[in-house]
């Protein structure tokens, strides 16, 4: 819904309801999309969201903007831990004495309320904004996994922020921004873990821009950001179930610290050849202090897999990003987005499943961080009604965890779509992963096959989206 009041105010009210249920198991013993489980997993979400935004014109052209939102989301996620059906070992060469059946089910109820109020300057003068942000979030978790586990987590965030853009002359402009946030949280669960914290964070940005020519801009940025810490719920829920070997290690990781990020970047933006070629080239370097890195342990004696954020190490990212848009004529747009990334984790402790002991990991690439990523394609206009798009996206190989050296292989995917418009109606036919490439997006490394009595560690991959296609119809009022 949308109302405009006398040209001096704009008010928008939105509401949405969604109910999604995608039952599946992500992994299989044969590393394909065919599961052998007799209890397929569930991945369901029911959400109600409401939002209110206003924009009021005040004295001297000042703008007062408000954004208020509320959401209530119920999520259910579960899977079969053994990946097979009861009796899988009947007539199969495996050790039935160690066959086990186990499921894991998470049910979450998350309610979030947020409000953002800001005053913006008249764009004809010095460009500035001042604002205040508040958020309250409550999350209740109920887990069924070798018994019942429940937790409650509440957070409150209050922040004041401001930004100003000053044009020093025809060539130079400077942007400065600052934000201070108060973060409060409370946590409790059925394993008697109770925590409460209050922390203050500051972040900011300073950017200088120099217009070298009318269509060429050089810029440099220094920025600092903070991601609040929290509680590793999976660690707390599994702590009473794992062997004594893991308890001290996991107890120290029931909470993870706030991560501080310091970013430096320089770049150039250009629009040349009568704006037919647009380019953005950026080089960056990021220091991550108390980096929140996703890690795992697996207890082979109890078959307990524990995931957590480990913030006991610093990390580093640096690289280059290139964005290109080329318009050889009015009917063709060629585009390319290419990135190169180097990463490093200084030092963290992992449990080596092959050695069955904890060991240090030093100067390791970050997980899920391929060196090369790219997206290349074309938008085509055949006539005023018929349009098409073709693109190829891909990435380099990369580690999918820290507790082993398994890698997700490099892959490239092709996608295409064509749309036809008649008056207010548009029909779009599309296809993703045109060639049906079999690729992985995640992986695990442990022993989970009863045919070898759960003694052989191996890589298991979660496969990405197969070839899919569809037809969209839209009507413009």
Protein backbone atom coordinates (compact mmCIF):
# COMPACT_ATOMS: atom_id res chain seq x y z
CA UNK A 1 0.00 0.00 0.00
CA UNK A 2 1.20 3.51 -0.82
CA UNK A 3 -0.13 6.98 -0.03
CA UNK A 4 1.20 10.44 -0.96
CA UNK A 5 0.05 13.37 1.17
CA UNK A 6 -0.04 16.88 -0.41
CA UNK A 7 3.39 16.44 -1.98
CA UNK A 8 5.13 17.11 1.34
CA UNK A 9 5.05 13.59 2.72
CA UNK A 10 5.37 10.08 1.40
CA UNK A 11 4.15 7.13 3.48
CA UNK A 12 4.51 3.46 2.56
CA UNK A 13 3.08 0.51 4.46
CA UNK A 14 4.07 -3.02 3.48
CA UNK A 15 3.02 -6.45 4.74
CA UNK A 16 4.05 -9.92 3.63
CA UNK A 17 3.41 -13.53 4.52
CA UNK A 18 5.40 -16.50 3.28
CA UNK A 19 5.35 -20.23 3.92
CA UNK A 20 8.17 -22.29 2.41
CA UNK A 21 8.75 -26.01 2.92
CA UNK A 22 11.75 -27.61 1.18
CA UNK A 23 12.35 -31.02 2.68
CA UNK A 24 15.69 -32.52 1.71
CA UNK A 25 18.95 -34.01 2.94
CA UNK A 26 21.98 -32.10 1.70
CA UNK A 27 24.51 -34.96 1.77
CA UNK A 28 24.56 -38.60 0.66
CA UNK A 29 27.01 -41.49 1.02
CA UNK A 30 27.60 -41.61 -2.74
CA UNK A 31 28.17 -37.83 -3.05
CA UNK A 32 25.22 -37.36 -5.37
CA UNK A 33 21.70 -35.95 -5.08
CA UNK A 34 20.12 -39.35 -4.28
CA UNK A 35 19.54 -39.89 -0.59
CA UNK A 36 19.14 -43.30 1.02
CA UNK A 37 17.56 -42.01 4.20
CA UNK A 38 14.21 -43.26 5.43
CA UNK A 39 13.66 -39.96 7.28
CA UNK A 40 14.25 -37.11 4.81
CA UNK A 41 15.11 -33.76 6.30
CA UNK A 42 12.96 -30.68 6.54
CA UNK A 43 13.71 -27.06 5.77
CA UNK A 44 10.57 -24.99 6.36
CA UNK A 45 9.93 -21.35 7.14
CA UNK A 46 6.78 -19.38 7.96
CA UNK A 47 7.23 -15.62 8.11
CA UNK A 48 5.11 -12.54 8.74
CA UNK A 49 6.68 -9.16 8.06
CA UNK A 50 5.37 -5.61 8.26
CA UNK A 51 7.07 -2.33 7.44
CA UNK A 52 6.29 1.36 7.55
CA UNK A 53 8.39 4.04 5.86
CA UNK A 54 7.79 7.77 5.72
CA UNK A 55 9.53 10.71 4.09
CA UNK A 56 8.57 14.21 5.26
CA UNK A 57 9.75 17.49 3.81
CA UNK A 58 10.57 19.89 6.65
CA UNK A 59 11.69 23.52 6.93
CA UNK A 60 14.44 24.70 4.56
CA UNK A 61 14.22 21.55 2.48
CA UNK A 62 15.32 19.16 5.24
CA UNK A 63 14.10 15.57 4.89
CA UNK A 64 12.85 13.43 7.80
CA UNK A 65 12.89 9.73 6.96
CA UNK A 66 11.63 6.90 9.17
CA UNK A 67 11.70 3.16 8.64
CA UNK A 68 9.97 0.82 11.08
CA UNK A 69 9.81 -2.94 10.58
CA UNK A 70 8.59 -5.99 12.46
CA UNK A 71 8.93 -9.67 11.60
CA UNK A 72 8.03 -12.98 13.18
CA UNK A 73 9.67 -16.02 11.61
CA UNK A 74 9.20 -19.68 12.53
CA UNK A 75 11.88 -21.98 11.11
CA UNK A 76 12.19 -25.74 11.17
CA UNK A 77 15.36 -27.47 10.01
CA UNK A 78 16.11 -31.15 10.45
CA UNK A 79 18.06 -33.98 8.87
CA UNK A 80 18.88 -37.67 9.18
CA UNK A 81 22.38 -37.90 10.65
CA UNK A 82 23.11 -41.44 9.46
CA UNK A 83 21.93 -40.73 5.87
CA UNK A 84 20.61 -44.28 5.43
CA UNK A 85 17.46 -46.28 6.12
CA UNK A 86 16.94 -48.76 8.93
CA UNK A 87 18.21 -52.15 7.77
CA UNK A 88 20.66 -50.64 5.29
CA UNK A 89 23.25 -53.19 6.38
CA UNK A 90 20.97 -56.18 5.72
CA UNK A 91 22.70 -58.14 2.98
CA UNK A 92 25.42 -55.50 2.67
CA UNK A 93 29.04 -55.94 3.70
CA UNK A 94 29.16 -53.76 6.79
CA UNK A 95 29.25 -54.08 10.54
CA UNK A 96 25.65 -53.96 11.84
CA UNK A 97 26.92 -53.78 15.40
CA UNK A 98 27.89 -50.16 14.85
CA UNK A 99 24.85 -49.21 12.79
CA UNK A 100 22.99 -46.31 14.37
CA UNK A 101 19.92 -44.22 13.64
CA UNK A 102 19.78 -40.57 14.63
CA UNK A 103 18.01 -37.38 13.57
CA UNK A 104 18.57 -33.75 14.45
CA UNK A 105 15.75 -31.19 14.46
CA UNK A 106 15.97 -27.43 15.10
CA UNK A 107 12.88 -25.27 15.61
CA UNK A 108 13.38 -21.52 15.92
CA UNK A 109 11.00 -18.67 16.61
CA UNK A 110 12.60 -15.29 15.86
CA UNK A 111 10.93 -11.91 16.38
CA UNK A 112 12.68 -8.70 15.32
CA UNK A 113 11.59 -5.08 15.71
CA UNK A 114 13.68 -2.21 14.34
CA UNK A 115 13.33 1.53 13.85
CA UNK A 116 15.54 3.93 11.91
CA UNK A 117 14.99 7.71 12.04
CA UNK A 118 17.19 10.12 10.12
CA UNK A 119 17.33 13.77 9.08
CA UNK A 120 18.91 14.58 5.70
CA UNK A 121 20.10 17.91 4.41
CA UNK A 122 18.82 19.78 1.39
CA UNK A 123 20.77 18.19 -1.50
CA UNK A 124 21.48 21.64 -2.94
CA UNK A 125 23.73 22.44 0.03
CA UNK A 126 26.32 20.44 1.99
CA UNK A 127 25.14 16.84 1.92
CA UNK A 128 24.76 15.44 5.46
CA UNK A 129 22.64 12.97 7.43
CA UNK A 130 22.08 12.35 11.16
CA UNK A 131 20.22 9.34 12.45
CA UNK A 132 19.29 6.99 15.26
CA UNK A 133 18.76 3.23 14.97
CA UNK A 134 17.24 0.75 17.44
CA UNK A 135 16.64 -2.99 17.19
CA UNK A 136 15.23 -5.60 19.55
CA UNK A 137 15.57 -9.28 18.64
CA UNK A 138 14.28 -12.33 20.53
CA UNK A 139 15.06 -15.87 19.43
CA UNK A 140 13.81 -19.11 21.02
CA UNK A 141 15.38 -22.41 19.97
CA UNK A 142 14.10 -25.92 20.60
CA UNK A 143 16.37 -28.78 19.51
CA UNK A 144 15.63 -32.52 19.52
CA UNK A 145 18.92 -34.41 19.37
CA UNK A 146 19.65 -37.21 21.85
CA UNK A 147 17.20 -35.43 24.13
CA UNK A 148 15.69 -31.96 24.24
CA UNK A 149 17.66 -28.71 24.36
CA UNK A 150 16.13 -25.22 24.53
CA UNK A 151 17.61 -21.72 24.62
CA UNK A 152 16.52 -18.09 24.67
CA UNK A 153 18.61 -15.27 23.24
CA UNK A 154 17.69 -11.58 23.41
CA UNK A 155 19.62 -8.66 21.94
CA UNK A 156 19.18 -4.90 22.01
CA UNK A 157 21.03 -2.52 19.70
CA UNK A 158 20.99 1.29 19.88
CA UNK A 159 23.10 3.40 17.54
CA UNK A 160 23.60 7.01 16.59
CA UNK A 161 25.27 7.86 13.30
CA UNK A 162 26.12 10.68 10.96
CA UNK A 163 27.72 11.36 7.60
CA UNK A 164 28.77 14.46 5.72
CA UNK A 165 29.97 14.99 2.13
CA UNK A 166 31.94 18.15 1.45
CA UNK A 167 32.99 19.32 -2.02
CA UNK A 168 36.22 21.22 -1.41
CA UNK A 169 36.48 22.47 -5.01
CA UNK A 170 35.73 21.33 -8.54
CA UNK A 171 38.09 18.37 -8.21
CA UNK A 172 38.13 17.26 -4.55
CA UNK A 173 35.35 15.86 -2.35
CA UNK A 174 35.60 14.30 1.11
CA UNK A 175 33.11 11.98 2.83
CA UNK A 176 33.25 11.32 6.57
CA UNK A 177 30.97 9.06 8.59
CA UNK A 178 30.79 7.89 12.21
CA UNK A 179 28.56 5.45 14.12
CA UNK A 180 28.44 4.49 17.79
CA UNK A 181 26.42 1.48 18.94
CA UNK A 182 25.45 0.06 22.32
CA UNK A 183 24.94 -3.70 22.12
CA UNK A 184 23.28 -5.65 24.96
CA UNK A 185 22.49 -9.36 24.98
CA UNK A 186 21.18 -12.04 27.36
CA UNK A 187 21.31 -15.80 26.84
CA UNK A 188 20.16 -18.85 28.80
CA UNK A 189 19.62 -22.52 27.98
CA UNK A 190 18.64 -25.84 29.52
CA UNK A 191 22.31 -26.78 30.00
CA UNK A 192 22.56 -23.94 32.55
CA UNK A 193 24.65 -21.62 30.43
CA UNK A 194 23.65 -18.06 31.35
CA UNK A 195 25.45 -15.03 29.93
CA UNK A 196 24.81 -11.30 29.79
CA UNK A 197 26.94 -8.58 28.22
CA UNK A 198 26.94 -4.86 27.40
CA UNK A 199 29.41 -3.49 24.91
CA UNK A 200 29.92 -0.29 22.96
CA UNK A 201 31.29 -0.20 19.41
CA UNK A 202 32.36 2.53 17.05
CA UNK A 203 32.79 2.41 13.32
CA UNK A 204 33.55 5.01 10.72
CA UNK A 205 34.59 5.88 7.21
CA UNK A 206 36.76 8.51 5.53
CA UNK A 207 36.79 8.77 1.72
CA UNK A 208 38.60 11.21 -0.54
CA UNK A 209 37.65 11.57 -4.22
CA UNK A 210 39.53 13.37 -6.97
CA UNK A 211 37.95 14.12 -10.35
CA UNK A 212 40.90 13.72 -12.66
CA UNK A 213 38.85 14.37 -15.80
CA UNK A 214 35.17 14.95 -16.40
CA UNK A 215 34.56 11.22 -16.64
CA UNK A 216 37.38 9.82 -14.48
CA UNK A 217 37.31 9.65 -10.67
CA UNK A 218 40.08 8.42 -8.35
CA UNK A 219 39.17 7.54 -4.76
CA UNK A 220 40.62 6.19 -1.54
CA UNK A 221 38.81 4.94 1.57
CA UNK A 222 39.69 4.08 5.16
CA UNK A 223 36.93 2.39 7.13
CA UNK A 224 36.40 0.52 10.39
CA UNK A 225 33.53 -1.85 11.18
CA UNK A 226 32.50 -4.10 14.04
CA UNK A 227 30.43 -7.30 14.10
CA UNK A 228 29.08 -8.07 17.61
CA UNK A 229 29.95 -11.32 19.32
CA UNK A 230 27.48 -13.91 20.59
CA UNK A 231 26.86 -17.46 21.78
CA UNK A 232 27.63 -20.70 19.95
CA UNK A 233 24.36 -22.48 20.65
CA UNK A 234 25.46 -25.71 18.96
CA UNK A 235 28.51 -25.85 21.20
CA UNK A 236 26.46 -25.39 24.36
CA UNK A 237 23.86 -27.98 23.35
CA UNK A 238 26.45 -30.64 22.45
CA UNK A 239 28.78 -30.09 25.40
CA UNK A 240 27.24 -32.76 27.71
CA UNK A 241 27.20 -35.31 24.85
CA UNK A 242 30.80 -35.25 23.61
CA UNK A 243 33.75 -37.17 25.01
CA UNK A 244 35.93 -35.57 27.68
CA UNK A 245 38.63 -34.95 25.04
CA UNK A 246 36.50 -32.18 23.52
CA UNK A 247 34.91 -30.57 26.57
CA UNK A 248 37.65 -28.12 27.52
CA UNK A 249 38.10 -27.05 23.91
CA UNK A 250 34.37 -26.51 23.33
CA UNK A 251 33.78 -24.88 26.73
CA UNK A 252 36.26 -22.16 25.73
CA UNK A 253 34.21 -21.62 22.55
CA UNK A 254 30.71 -21.37 23.97
CA UNK A 255 30.94 -17.65 23.20
CA UNK A 256 32.69 -15.83 20.38
CA UNK A 257 34.11 -12.31 20.56
CA UNK A 258 33.22 -9.23 18.54
CA UNK A 259 35.13 -8.95 15.28
CA UNK A 260 36.75 -5.66 14.27
CA UNK A 261 37.50 -4.99 10.62
CA UNK A 262 39.83 -2.30 9.25
CA UNK A 263 39.60 -1.74 5.48
CA UNK A 264 41.82 0.26 3.13
CA UNK A 265 40.99 0.61 -0.55
CA UNK A 266 41.90 2.68 -3.57
CA UNK A 267 40.27 2.71 -6.95
CA UNK A 268 39.26 4.42 -10.14
CA UNK A 269 35.90 4.94 -11.84
CA UNK A 270 35.72 5.90 -15.49
CA UNK A 271 33.14 6.41 -18.21
CA UNK A 272 34.80 6.73 -21.63
CA UNK A 273 34.10 6.47 -25.36
CA UNK A 274 30.99 8.66 -25.06
CA UNK A 275 29.92 6.65 -21.96
CA UNK A 276 29.88 3.44 -23.98
CA UNK A 277 32.47 1.87 -21.65
CA UNK A 278 32.05 2.16 -17.88
CA UNK A 279 34.71 0.80 -15.56
CA UNK A 280 35.41 0.48 -11.85
CA UNK A 281 38.73 -0.94 -10.60
CA UNK A 282 39.34 -1.33 -6.86
CA UNK A 283 42.24 -2.70 -4.83
CA UNK A 284 41.64 -3.41 -1.12
CA UNK A 285 43.30 -4.71 2.03
CA UNK A 286 41.34 -5.83 5.10
CA UNK A 287 42.62 -6.66 8.59
CA UNK A 288 40.24 -8.81 10.65
CA UNK A 289 40.82 -8.78 14.41
CA UNK A 290 39.21 -11.62 16.42
CA UNK A 291 37.89 -12.94 13.13
CA UNK A 292 34.68 -14.96 13.45
CA UNK A 293 35.64 -18.13 11.53
CA UNK A 294 33.23 -21.05 11.13
CA UNK A 295 34.80 -24.28 12.33
CA UNK A 296 33.78 -27.82 13.35
CA UNK A 297 34.73 -30.74 15.54
CA UNK A 298 33.59 -34.33 15.12
CA UNK A 299 33.64 -36.78 18.03
CA UNK A 300 33.98 -40.26 16.45
CA UNK A 301 33.08 -41.98 19.72
CA UNK A 302 29.63 -40.35 19.90
CA UNK A 303 29.09 -39.27 16.27
CA UNK A 304 28.57 -35.69 17.47
CA UNK A 305 29.34 -32.98 14.90
CA UNK A 306 29.68 -29.51 16.48
CA UNK A 307 29.78 -26.28 14.50
CA UNK A 308 30.84 -22.96 16.02
CA UNK A 309 32.35 -19.57 15.32
CA UNK A 310 35.97 -19.45 16.50
CA UNK A 311 37.19 -15.91 17.22
CA UNK A 312 40.61 -16.74 18.66
CA UNK A 313 42.59 -15.70 15.57
CA UNK A 314 43.23 -12.67 13.41
CA UNK A 315 42.91 -12.83 9.64
CA UNK A 316 43.74 -10.87 6.50
CA UNK A 317 42.06 -10.33 3.11
CA UNK A 318 43.35 -8.44 0.09
CA UNK A 319 42.62 -8.38 -3.59
CA UNK A 320 41.37 -6.59 -6.70
CA UNK A 321 37.88 -6.18 -8.18
CA UNK A 322 37.06 -5.10 -11.75
CA UNK A 323 33.62 -4.14 -13.06
CA UNK A 324 33.04 -3.44 -16.77
CA UNK A 325 29.97 -2.40 -18.75
CA UNK A 326 30.25 -1.96 -22.51
CA UNK A 327 27.49 -0.65 -24.80
CA UNK A 328 28.57 -1.18 -28.45
CA UNK A 329 25.11 0.06 -29.47
CA UNK A 330 21.72 0.76 -27.92
CA UNK A 331 20.64 -2.86 -28.16
CA UNK A 332 23.62 -4.66 -26.62
CA UNK A 333 25.18 -4.44 -23.15
CA UNK A 334 28.25 -6.58 -22.43
CA UNK A 335 29.29 -6.86 -18.78
CA UNK A 336 32.05 -8.48 -16.74
CA UNK A 337 32.70 -8.60 -12.99
CA UNK A 338 36.02 -10.20 -12.06
CA UNK A 339 37.58 -10.52 -8.61
CA UNK A 340 40.90 -11.82 -7.30
CA UNK A 341 41.24 -12.52 -3.55
CA UNK A 342 44.03 -13.62 -1.22
CA UNK A 343 43.22 -14.59 2.39
CA UNK A 344 45.07 -15.73 5.46
CA UNK A 345 44.26 -17.03 8.95
CA UNK A 346 47.15 -16.43 11.32
CA UNK A 347 46.63 -19.31 13.75
CA UNK A 348 43.78 -21.44 15.05
CA UNK A 349 43.39 -24.81 16.76
CA UNK A 350 41.52 -27.64 15.02
CA UNK A 351 40.83 -31.31 15.72
CA UNK A 352 42.53 -33.51 13.13
CA UNK A 353 40.28 -36.51 12.44
CA UNK A 354 43.07 -38.50 10.81
CA UNK A 355 45.41 -38.02 13.78
CA UNK A 356 42.59 -37.90 16.37
CA UNK A 357 44.26 -35.02 18.14
CA UNK A 358 44.14 -31.23 18.33
CA UNK A 359 46.74 -29.39 16.27
CA UNK A 360 47.58 -25.79 15.34
CA UNK A 361 46.68 -24.45 11.90
CA UNK A 362 49.02 -21.64 10.84
CA UNK A 363 48.88 -19.26 7.84
CA UNK A 364 45.96 -20.99 6.15
CA UNK A 365 43.65 -19.66 3.43
CA UNK A 366 40.19 -18.82 4.73
CA UNK A 367 37.42 -21.30 3.99
CA UNK A 368 34.89 -20.52 1.22
CA UNK A 369 37.30 -17.91 -0.22
CA UNK A 370 38.21 -18.75 -3.83
CA UNK A 371 41.05 -16.78 -5.43
CA UNK A 372 39.10 -16.08 -8.63
CA UNK A 373 35.43 -15.24 -9.10
CA UNK A 374 33.75 -13.93 -12.23
CA UNK A 375 30.40 -13.12 -13.83
CA UNK A 376 30.44 -12.39 -17.57
CA UNK A 377 27.51 -11.95 -19.91
CA UNK A 378 25.32 -9.89 -22.20
CA UNK A 379 21.93 -8.15 -22.15
CA UNK A 380 20.32 -8.09 -25.60
CA UNK A 381 17.43 -6.03 -26.95
CA UNK A 382 16.02 -7.66 -30.09
CA UNK A 383 13.20 -5.14 -30.33
CA UNK A 384 11.03 -3.06 -27.99
CA UNK A 385 9.20 -6.18 -26.79
CA UNK A 386 11.79 -8.96 -26.89
CA UNK A 387 14.84 -8.98 -24.56
CA UNK A 388 17.39 -11.63 -23.65
CA UNK A 389 20.19 -12.23 -21.18
CA UNK A 390 23.03 -14.75 -21.12
CA UNK A 391 25.73 -15.02 -18.45
CA UNK A 392 28.44 -17.29 -17.12
CA UNK A 393 29.49 -17.27 -13.48
CA UNK A 394 32.33 -19.20 -11.91
CA UNK A 395 34.90 -19.46 -9.18
CA UNK A 396 38.23 -21.04 -8.36
CA UNK A 397 38.73 -24.03 -6.06
CA UNK A 398 38.74 -23.28 -2.31
CA UNK A 399 38.90 -24.96 1.09
CA UNK A 400 35.51 -25.79 2.61
CA UNK A 401 36.73 -26.08 6.19
CA UNK A 402 39.63 -25.69 8.58
CA UNK A 403 39.75 -29.12 10.23
CA UNK A 404 40.88 -30.81 7.00
CA UNK A 405 42.34 -29.97 3.57
CA UNK A 406 39.33 -30.86 1.41
CA UNK A 407 38.49 -28.44 -1.39
CA UNK A 408 35.45 -27.44 -3.40
CA UNK A 409 36.47 -27.82 -7.03
CA UNK A 410 36.37 -24.89 -9.45
CA UNK A 411 33.22 -24.59 -11.52
CA UNK A 412 31.50 -22.47 -14.17
CA UNK A 413 27.72 -22.17 -14.66
CA UNK A 414 25.73 -20.78 -17.58
CA UNK A 415 22.32 -19.09 -17.23
CA UNK A 416 19.95 -17.54 -19.76
CA UNK A 417 16.57 -15.84 -19.96
CA UNK A 418 14.32 -14.29 -22.59
CA UNK A 419 11.37 -11.97 -21.94
CA UNK A 420 8.53 -10.71 -24.10
CA UNK A 421 6.29 -7.75 -23.20
CA UNK A 422 2.85 -6.93 -24.53
CA UNK A 423 1.35 -3.87 -22.92
CA UNK A 424 1.35 -4.34 -19.14
CA UNK A 425 2.09 -8.10 -19.37
CA UNK A 426 5.61 -9.56 -19.41
CA UNK A 427 6.42 -13.24 -19.86
CA UNK A 428 9.94 -14.42 -19.01
CA UNK A 429 11.35 -17.89 -19.71
CA UNK A 430 14.57 -18.69 -17.88
CA UNK A 431 17.04 -21.50 -17.29
CA UNK A 432 19.82 -21.76 -14.72
CA UNK A 433 22.81 -24.12 -14.95
CA UNK A 434 22.02 -24.76 -18.60
CA UNK A 435 24.56 -27.56 -19.05
CA UNK A 436 23.65 -29.38 -15.83
CA UNK A 437 27.08 -28.91 -14.25
CA UNK A 438 27.56 -31.11 -11.19
CA UNK A 439 29.25 -28.88 -8.62
CA UNK A 440 29.62 -28.58 -4.85
CA UNK A 441 28.84 -25.62 -2.58
CA UNK A 442 29.81 -27.14 0.77
CA UNK A 443 31.60 -30.15 2.18
CA UNK A 444 32.17 -32.26 5.27
CA UNK A 445 35.00 -34.61 6.21
CA UNK A 446 34.40 -37.49 8.60
CA UNK A 447 33.53 -41.21 8.76
CA UNK A 448 29.79 -41.84 8.26
CA UNK A 449 29.55 -45.04 6.21
CA UNK A 450 28.50 -48.25 8.04
CA UNK A 451 29.92 -50.35 5.19
CA UNK A 452 33.41 -49.65 6.56
CA UNK A 453 32.25 -49.62 10.21
CA UNK A 454 32.57 -45.81 10.37
CA UNK A 455 36.37 -46.04 10.32
CA UNK A 456 37.29 -44.29 7.06
CA UNK A 457 37.24 -40.50 6.93
CA UNK A 458 36.21 -39.14 3.55
CA UNK A 459 34.87 -36.03 1.89
CA UNK A 460 31.13 -35.57 1.48
CA UNK A 461 29.83 -32.76 -0.72
CA UNK A 462 26.62 -30.80 -0.76
CA UNK A 463 25.73 -30.37 -4.41
CA UNK A 464 24.65 -27.08 -5.87
CA UNK A 465 21.56 -26.26 -7.88
CA UNK A 466 20.99 -28.64 -10.84
CA UNK A 467 19.57 -27.52 -14.19
CA UNK A 468 16.32 -25.67 -13.45
CA UNK A 469 13.97 -23.70 -15.69
CA UNK A 470 10.72 -21.85 -15.40
CA UNK A 471 8.31 -19.22 -16.69
CA UNK A 472 7.43 -15.96 -14.94
CA UNK A 473 4.39 -13.85 -15.73
CA UNK A 474 4.02 -10.31 -14.43
CA UNK A 475 1.39 -7.59 -14.83
CA UNK A 476 2.21 -3.91 -14.37
CA UNK A 477 -0.56 -1.73 -13.01
